[in-house]
Protein backbone atom coordinates (compact mmCIF):
# COMPACT_ATOMS: atom_id res chain seq x y z
CA MET A 1 46.32 118.94 145.14
CA ASN A 2 43.89 116.54 142.92
CA LEU A 3 43.77 114.02 145.59
CA ARG A 4 42.71 116.59 148.48
CA SER A 5 40.38 119.34 146.64
CA ARG A 6 37.36 119.03 144.51
CA ARG A 7 39.31 120.72 141.90
CA VAL A 8 41.53 118.98 139.36
CA ILE A 9 44.28 120.14 137.04
CA VAL A 10 43.78 118.67 133.51
CA CYS A 11 45.24 118.92 130.57
CA PRO A 12 41.46 118.66 127.83
CA ILE A 13 42.33 116.20 125.14
CA THR A 14 41.64 116.73 121.19
CA SER A 15 40.14 114.40 118.91
CA ASN A 16 42.19 116.70 116.42
CA MET A 17 45.61 114.40 115.17
CA GLN A 18 47.09 117.92 113.18
CA PRO A 19 50.41 118.22 115.04
CA TRP A 20 51.11 121.01 117.60
CA MET A 21 54.47 121.27 119.65
CA THR A 22 52.29 121.55 122.26
CA LYS A 23 49.95 118.40 121.61
CA ILE A 24 51.21 115.30 122.78
CA ALA A 25 49.65 111.87 121.20
CA LEU A 26 48.07 109.19 123.49
CA PRO A 27 49.75 106.37 123.34
CA ASP A 28 48.40 103.30 121.03
CA GLY A 29 46.33 100.93 123.03
CA LEU A 30 43.60 102.93 125.24
CA LYS A 31 40.08 103.21 124.38
CA THR A 32 40.64 107.10 124.43
CA GLN A 33 42.61 108.07 121.83
CA GLY A 34 43.99 112.13 120.69
CA MET A 35 45.60 113.96 121.55
CA VAL A 36 46.59 116.49 124.85
CA LEU A 37 46.47 119.31 124.64
CA ALA A 38 49.50 120.31 127.10
CA ASP A 39 48.61 124.15 126.32
CA GLN A 40 44.93 124.13 127.60
CA ILE A 41 45.52 123.85 131.95
CA ARG A 42 42.94 123.89 133.20
CA SER A 43 41.71 124.25 136.95
CA ILE A 44 37.82 122.48 137.00
CA ASP A 45 34.90 121.41 139.94
CA LYS A 46 35.47 117.49 139.65
CA ASP A 47 31.46 117.67 140.98
CA ALA A 48 29.83 120.36 139.06
CA ARG A 49 31.64 118.05 135.82
CA LEU A 50 29.82 115.19 137.44
CA LEU A 51 34.25 113.97 136.66
CA ARG A 52 34.42 109.82 136.43
CA PHE A 53 37.15 107.69 135.98
CA ILE A 54 37.48 106.20 132.58
CA GLU A 55 41.75 105.02 132.20
CA ALA A 56 44.99 105.94 132.97
CA THR A 57 48.11 106.35 131.22
CA PRO A 58 50.64 105.18 131.70
CA ALA A 59 53.94 106.41 134.22
CA ASP A 60 56.02 107.20 131.10
CA PHE A 61 53.42 109.43 129.24
CA VAL A 62 52.45 111.28 132.01
CA THR A 63 55.34 112.10 132.99
CA LEU A 64 56.44 113.56 129.39
CA VAL A 65 53.14 115.57 129.47
CA ARG A 66 54.69 116.78 132.74
CA SER A 67 57.53 118.50 131.19
CA TYR A 68 55.45 119.45 128.50
CA VAL A 69 53.54 121.39 130.88
CA GLY A 70 56.71 122.40 133.33
CA ARG A 71 58.80 123.85 129.72
CA LEU A 72 55.81 125.86 129.15
CA LEU A 73 55.30 127.12 132.32
CA ASP A 74 59.76 127.57 132.40
CA LEU A 75 59.61 124.92 135.30
CA GLU A 76 61.66 121.83 136.64
CA VAL A 77 59.79 118.67 136.85
CA PRO A 78 61.44 115.87 138.90
CA GLY A 79 61.93 113.19 136.18
CA ALA A 80 61.27 114.30 133.13
CA SER A 81 63.98 115.05 131.01
CA GLY A 82 63.70 116.69 126.88
């Protein structure tokens, strides 16, 4: 959907580093620091938000976030274990 639509599905990032069961710390070594809020899934309009690419996270981190979201929505996520 993210490649074919004006809308993208995102999980916001917070600078609040307080641990919580649905927050996932971004990997070390990235420009962006903080925690992904897996329980705050949103669909936003790319054009209205003037989105710009900042950086990519490692594929295994994306899989980890998808597994959190999948568990929250009671979905099976391919490639995710845990």
